[in-house]
Amino acid sequence: MASVMSLAEAVSTLVRDGDTVALEGFTHLIPHAAGHELIRQGRRDLTLVRMTPDMVYDQLIGAGCARKLIFSWGGNPGVGSLHRLRDAVEKRWPRPFEIEEHSHAGMSVRYVAGASGLPFGVLRGYVGTDLPKHTKTIAAIACPFTGEELTAVPAINPDVSIIHAQQADRSGNVHLWGIVGVQKEAILAAARAIVTVEEVVDVLTPRPGGVVLPGWTIDAVCEVPGGSHPSYAMGYSVRDNAFYQAWDAIARDRDTFTDWIDRHIVSTADFAEYRRSVGLDDTVTSNH
């Protein structure tokens, strides 16, 4: 059953150097606070997995936490490139970096296979693309019943999956609602699971379209209000569009990025203080 603990304790206990780590969330409920804790604790040689790596992965990659990225799309949503990801791929800074690219459908099928205890998943996909030429984890397979040529992709089974959700109860059952992606599958596919939540409540109230993850699927629940900032948590916060725009300038320059990480992540253990520090005040604006 899940244990309720601090985020620092969860990362220290459950995430190890060299692990394959998935931080999932789609537009909404992106676990930024957990990514920052990985940076603060100096995790290294991680294989990061995410369908849509965005700002938090730009930070993890630029901070030197990762050696590889498995993904299907990468960018700063609505703004442009991830400059730290590009620097790692193109210039090998801050370290040599490997990418493994799939389609959205391929990544989701990989998570489903992992959650189902299967070695691989099958889909109709990748036709007309050159991804099979560049990605070793894409293979043609013949349907044993019709002979149709399909595509096989190996299961994703992260060592650790991390998501953010709105609520958990005191037994460690987690409830999320609104826009969801592959959070459920990522948790079920993982060997270990951490969930940060807006609040711990006595009773979970059913919501339309809500997803409940039972406590036995999770190792650690961490109460981290605002833990998805600058993305949002439906019913609790709104998306900080201004910060996504500000990130483009912060991430373009190595020194500006490193200074921002040192001052706002590494040196800031208190998340409430961090939230205040990234509010586009004079300090942040001076880095643009």
Protein backbone atom coordinates (compact mmCIF):
# COMPACT_ATOMS: atom_id res chain seq x y z
CA MET A 1 0.00 0.00 0.00
CA ALA A 2 1.08 3.57 -0.62
CA SER A 3 2.81 5.48 2.14
CA VAL A 4 2.22 9.20 2.62
CA MET A 5 5.61 10.92 2.84
CA SER A 6 7.48 14.02 1.78
CA LEU A 7 8.55 14.37 -1.83
CA ALA A 8 12.19 14.56 -0.79
CA GLU A 9 11.85 11.25 1.08
CA ALA A 10 10.04 9.60 -1.85
CA VAL A 11 12.72 10.56 -4.37
CA SER A 12 15.53 9.62 -2.00
CA THR A 13 13.97 6.22 -1.32
CA LEU A 14 12.58 5.24 -4.70
CA VAL A 15 14.67 6.86 -7.47
CA ARG A 16 18.21 5.67 -8.14
CA ASP A 17 20.94 6.76 -10.51
CA GLY A 18 20.63 4.91 -13.82
CA ASP A 19 16.88 4.32 -13.47
CA THR A 20 14.36 4.60 -16.28
CA VAL A 21 11.96 7.28 -15.05
CA ALA A 22 8.64 8.41 -16.55
CA LEU A 23 7.05 11.72 -15.52
CA GLU A 24 3.68 11.74 -17.25
CA GLY A 25 0.83 14.20 -17.60
CA PHE A 26 -0.72 15.72 -20.71
CA THR A 27 -0.99 19.54 -20.80
CA HIS A 28 -2.35 19.29 -17.27
CA LEU A 29 -1.07 17.70 -14.05
CA ILE A 30 2.57 17.68 -15.21
CA PRO A 31 4.73 16.71 -12.19
CA HIS A 32 7.14 19.67 -12.22
CA ALA A 33 7.83 19.65 -8.48
CA ALA A 34 8.97 16.02 -8.67
CA GLY A 35 11.29 16.86 -11.57
CA HIS A 36 12.80 19.66 -9.51
CA GLU A 37 13.39 17.27 -6.62
CA LEU A 38 15.27 14.92 -8.96
CA ILE A 39 17.51 17.86 -9.88
CA ARG A 40 18.00 18.90 -6.26
CA GLN A 41 19.02 15.39 -5.25
CA GLY A 42 21.49 15.20 -8.14
CA ARG A 43 20.14 12.09 -9.85
CA ARG A 44 22.31 11.06 -12.81
CA ASP A 45 22.29 8.74 -15.85
CA LEU A 46 18.50 8.59 -16.00
CA THR A 47 16.64 7.32 -19.04
CA LEU A 48 13.70 9.70 -19.20
CA VAL A 49 10.43 8.54 -20.76
CA ARG A 50 7.57 10.84 -21.70
CA MET A 51 5.10 11.08 -24.56
CA THR A 52 5.46 14.87 -24.73
CA PRO A 53 8.63 16.10 -23.02
CA ASP A 54 8.32 19.79 -22.33
CA MET A 55 9.72 22.28 -19.86
CA VAL A 56 10.39 19.95 -16.92
CA TYR A 57 12.39 17.62 -19.17
CA ASP A 58 14.30 20.58 -20.61
CA GLN A 59 15.30 21.35 -17.01
CA LEU A 60 16.26 17.77 -16.16
CA ILE A 61 18.31 17.38 -19.35
CA GLY A 62 20.05 20.72 -18.97
CA ALA A 63 20.85 19.95 -15.33
CA GLY A 64 22.74 16.82 -16.42
CA CYS A 65 20.33 14.31 -14.90
CA ALA A 66 19.67 12.30 -18.07
CA ARG A 67 21.62 10.24 -20.59
CA LYS A 68 18.69 9.24 -22.83
CA LEU A 69 15.18 10.33 -23.79
CA ILE A 70 12.40 8.02 -25.06
CA PHE A 71 9.62 10.20 -26.46
CA SER A 72 7.21 11.04 -29.26
CA TRP A 73 7.22 14.86 -29.38
CA GLY A 74 9.34 17.46 -27.63
CA GLY A 75 8.83 21.19 -27.34
CA ASN A 76 7.74 24.17 -25.28
CA PRO A 77 3.96 24.06 -25.97
CA GLY A 78 2.78 27.11 -27.85
CA VAL A 79 6.23 28.70 -27.78
CA GLY A 80 8.87 26.68 -29.65
CA SER A 81 11.89 24.48 -29.09
CA LEU A 82 13.33 22.99 -25.94
CA HIS A 83 16.73 24.67 -26.07
CA ARG A 84 18.40 22.48 -23.44
CA LEU A 85 17.22 19.33 -25.25
CA ARG A 86 18.52 20.69 -28.56
CA ASP A 87 21.86 21.62 -27.00
CA ALA A 88 22.21 18.10 -25.56
CA VAL A 89 21.41 16.42 -28.89
CA GLU A 90 23.29 18.80 -31.17
CA LYS A 91 26.25 19.88 -29.01
CA ARG A 92 26.37 17.09 -26.36
CA TRP A 93 26.04 19.65 -23.55
CA PRO A 94 26.05 19.13 -20.62
CA ARG A 95 26.82 15.49 -21.56
CA PRO A 96 26.44 13.06 -24.48
CA PHE A 97 22.77 12.37 -25.03
CA GLU A 98 20.75 9.69 -26.81
CA ILE A 99 17.21 9.90 -28.16
CA GLU A 100 14.71 7.19 -29.08
CA GLU A 101 11.78 8.59 -31.03
CA HIS A 102 8.32 7.09 -31.48
CA SER A 103 4.86 8.28 -32.48
CA HIS A 104 2.22 9.19 -29.90
CA ALA A 105 0.33 6.01 -30.78
CA GLY A 106 3.48 3.92 -30.48
CA MET A 107 4.30 5.33 -27.03
CA SER A 108 0.78 4.78 -25.74
CA VAL A 109 0.79 1.19 -27.02
CA ARG A 110 4.14 0.63 -25.30
CA TYR A 111 2.74 1.85 -21.98
CA VAL A 112 -0.37 -0.30 -22.36
CA ALA A 113 1.78 -3.36 -23.06
CA GLY A 114 3.88 -2.62 -19.99
CA ALA A 115 0.79 -2.16 -17.82
CA SER A 116 -0.65 -5.42 -19.17
CA GLY A 117 2.43 -7.50 -18.44
CA LEU A 118 3.05 -8.14 -22.15
CA PRO A 119 6.48 -8.04 -23.83
CA PHE A 120 5.34 -5.85 -26.72
CA GLY A 121 2.39 -4.07 -28.26
CA VAL A 122 1.06 -4.07 -31.81
CA LEU A 123 -0.41 -1.26 -33.88
CA ARG A 124 -1.04 -0.04 -37.39
CA GLY A 125 1.41 2.78 -37.51
CA TYR A 126 4.68 4.29 -38.72
CA VAL A 127 3.62 3.67 -42.35
CA GLY A 128 5.15 6.29 -44.60
CA THR A 129 7.63 7.51 -41.98
CA ASP A 130 11.36 6.90 -41.70
CA LEU A 131 11.24 6.25 -37.94
CA PRO A 132 11.73 2.47 -38.38
CA LYS A 133 15.07 3.24 -40.07
CA HIS A 134 16.30 5.23 -37.08
CA THR A 135 14.59 3.61 -34.08
CA LYS A 136 15.63 0.06 -33.26
CA THR A 137 12.58 -0.50 -31.07
CA ILE A 138 10.20 -0.50 -34.04
CA ALA A 139 9.78 -3.76 -35.96
CA ALA A 140 7.46 -5.17 -38.61
CA ILE A 141 5.39 -8.17 -37.57
CA ALA A 142 2.94 -10.36 -39.48
CA CYS A 143 -0.52 -10.99 -38.03
CA PRO A 144 -0.71 -14.78 -37.41
CA PHE A 145 -4.36 -14.80 -38.48
CA THR A 146 -4.52 -12.57 -41.57
CA GLY A 147 -0.89 -12.14 -42.60
CA GLU A 148 -1.28 -8.36 -42.49
CA GLU A 149 1.96 -6.52 -41.80
CA LEU A 150 1.73 -4.61 -38.54
CA THR A 151 4.19 -2.80 -36.29
CA ALA A 152 5.48 -4.13 -32.98
CA VAL A 153 6.97 -1.97 -30.24
CA PRO A 154 8.43 -3.23 -26.92
CA ALA A 155 6.66 -2.63 -23.63
CA ILE A 156 7.72 0.28 -21.48
CA ASN A 157 8.29 -0.75 -17.87
CA PRO A 158 9.83 2.21 -16.03
CA ASP A 159 11.77 1.63 -12.86
CA VAL A 160 9.83 4.61 -11.50
CA SER A 161 6.76 6.42 -12.78
CA ILE A 162 5.83 9.81 -11.32
CA ILE A 163 2.56 11.68 -11.84
CA HIS A 164 0.68 14.59 -10.26
CA ALA A 165 -2.99 14.34 -9.28
CA GLN A 166 -5.59 16.40 -7.50
CA GLN A 167 -6.29 14.24 -4.45
CA ALA A 168 -5.33 11.21 -2.44
CA ASP A 169 -7.00 9.78 0.63
CA ARG A 170 -5.18 8.75 3.77
CA SER A 171 -4.96 5.16 2.57
CA GLY A 172 -3.00 6.24 -0.50
CA ASN A 173 -5.76 5.92 -3.10
CA VAL A 174 -5.34 8.63 -5.76
CA HIS A 175 -7.98 10.52 -7.74
CA LEU A 176 -7.29 12.60 -10.87
CA TRP A 177 -9.73 14.16 -13.31
CA GLY A 178 -9.84 16.53 -16.26
CA ILE A 179 -7.45 16.04 -19.17
CA VAL A 180 -5.57 12.81 -18.59
CA GLY A 181 -3.04 11.06 -20.76
CA VAL A 182 -1.25 7.82 -19.97
CA GLN A 183 -0.85 8.39 -16.24
CA LYS A 184 -2.77 5.26 -15.27
CA GLU A 185 -0.81 3.07 -17.69
CA ALA A 186 2.50 4.60 -16.62
CA ILE A 187 1.80 3.81 -12.98
CA LEU A 188 0.64 0.26 -13.69
CA ALA A 189 3.68 -0.43 -15.90
CA ALA A 190 6.25 0.73 -13.34
CA ALA A 191 8.20 -1.16 -10.74
CA ARG A 192 7.85 1.79 -8.33
CA ALA A 193 5.42 4.72 -8.37
CA ILE A 194 5.32 8.20 -6.83
CA VAL A 195 2.26 10.46 -6.95
CA THR A 196 2.30 14.09 -5.88
CA VAL A 197 -1.11 15.53 -5.08
CA GLU A 198 -2.69 18.89 -4.42
CA GLU A 199 -4.14 17.64 -1.15
CA VAL A 200 -4.73 14.60 1.01
CA VAL A 201 -8.40 14.26 1.96
CA ASP A 202 -10.41 11.99 4.20
CA VAL A 203 -12.79 10.80 1.45
CA LEU A 204 -12.45 10.79 -2.35
CA THR A 205 -15.56 12.16 -4.06
CA PRO A 206 -16.31 10.66 -7.50
CA ARG A 207 -15.95 13.09 -10.44
CA PRO A 208 -17.17 12.73 -14.03
CA GLY A 209 -14.41 11.15 -16.07
CA GLY A 210 -12.23 10.71 -13.01
CA VAL A 211 -9.53 8.07 -12.67
CA VAL A 212 -8.89 6.35 -9.35
CA LEU A 213 -5.60 4.58 -8.78
CA PRO A 214 -5.83 2.21 -5.80
CA GLY A 215 -3.18 2.49 -3.14
CA TRP A 216 -1.72 -0.91 -3.97
CA THR A 217 -0.50 0.46 -7.32
CA ILE A 218 1.50 3.26 -5.67
CA ASP A 219 4.52 3.34 -3.38
CA ALA A 220 4.53 6.97 -2.23
CA VAL A 221 1.95 9.74 -2.07
CA CYS A 222 3.31 13.23 -1.45
CA GLU A 223 1.19 16.27 -0.66
CA VAL A 224 2.64 19.06 -2.83
CA PRO A 225 0.16 21.91 -3.44
CA GLY A 226 0.98 23.55 -6.75
CA GLY A 227 3.14 20.59 -7.72
CA SER A 228 2.21 20.88 -11.39
CA HIS A 229 3.12 24.57 -11.80
CA PRO A 230 3.47 26.07 -14.41
CA SER A 231 1.05 23.53 -15.89
CA TYR A 232 -2.31 23.36 -14.14
CA ALA A 233 -4.44 21.11 -11.97
CA MET A 234 -8.12 21.25 -12.88
CA GLY A 235 -10.12 22.59 -9.96
CA TYR A 236 -7.02 23.89 -8.18
CA SER A 237 -4.90 26.10 -10.45
CA VAL A 238 -4.62 27.64 -13.90
CA ARG A 239 -1.85 27.33 -16.47
CA ASP A 240 0.92 29.94 -16.11
CA ASN A 241 1.20 30.83 -19.78
CA ALA A 242 3.55 33.72 -19.06
CA PHE A 243 6.11 31.41 -17.54
CA TYR A 244 6.11 29.10 -20.57
CA GLN A 245 6.89 32.19 -22.65
CA ALA A 246 9.58 33.33 -20.22
CA TRP A 247 11.23 29.91 -20.28
CA ASP A 248 12.21 30.32 -23.92
CA ALA A 249 14.62 33.13 -23.06
CA ILE A 250 15.87 31.53 -19.85
CA ALA A 251 16.72 28.24 -21.60
CA ARG A 252 18.41 29.68 -24.71
CA ASP A 253 21.65 30.57 -22.96
CA ARG A 254 23.66 28.00 -20.97
CA ASP A 255 24.81 30.43 -18.29
CA THR A 256 21.37 31.97 -17.82
CA PHE A 257 19.84 28.51 -17.56
CA THR A 258 22.47 27.28 -15.09
CA ASP A 259 22.06 30.38 -12.94
CA TRP A 260 18.28 29.93 -12.90
CA ILE A 261 18.56 26.27 -11.89
CA ASP A 262 21.09 27.09 -9.16
CA ARG A 263 19.02 29.91 -7.69
CA HIS A 264 15.49 28.62 -8.10
CA ILE A 265 15.79 24.83 -7.90
CA VAL A 266 19.04 23.62 -6.32
CA SER A 267 19.15 26.32 -3.64
CA THR A 268 15.41 26.30 -2.96
CA ALA A 269 14.18 23.39 -0.89
CA ASP A 270 10.88 25.00 0.00
CA PHE A 271 8.42 24.70 -2.89
CA ALA A 272 6.25 27.60 -1.78
CA GLU A 273 9.32 29.83 -1.94
CA TYR A 274 10.08 28.43 -5.38
CA ARG A 275 6.56 29.26 -6.59
CA ARG A 276 7.05 32.87 -5.51
CA SER A 277 10.48 33.03 -7.13
CA VAL A 278 9.26 32.05 -10.61
CA GLY A 279 6.39 34.52 -10.70
CA LEU A 280 7.96 36.75 -13.37
CA ASP A 281 9.17 39.22 -10.79
CA ASP A 282 12.12 41.54 -11.37
CA THR A 283 14.67 38.81 -10.66
CA VAL A 284 13.32 36.46 -13.31
CA THR A 285 12.63 39.21 -15.82
CA SER A 286 16.26 40.37 -15.62
CA ASN A 287 17.33 36.98 -17.06
CA HIS A 288 15.34 37.39 -20.29
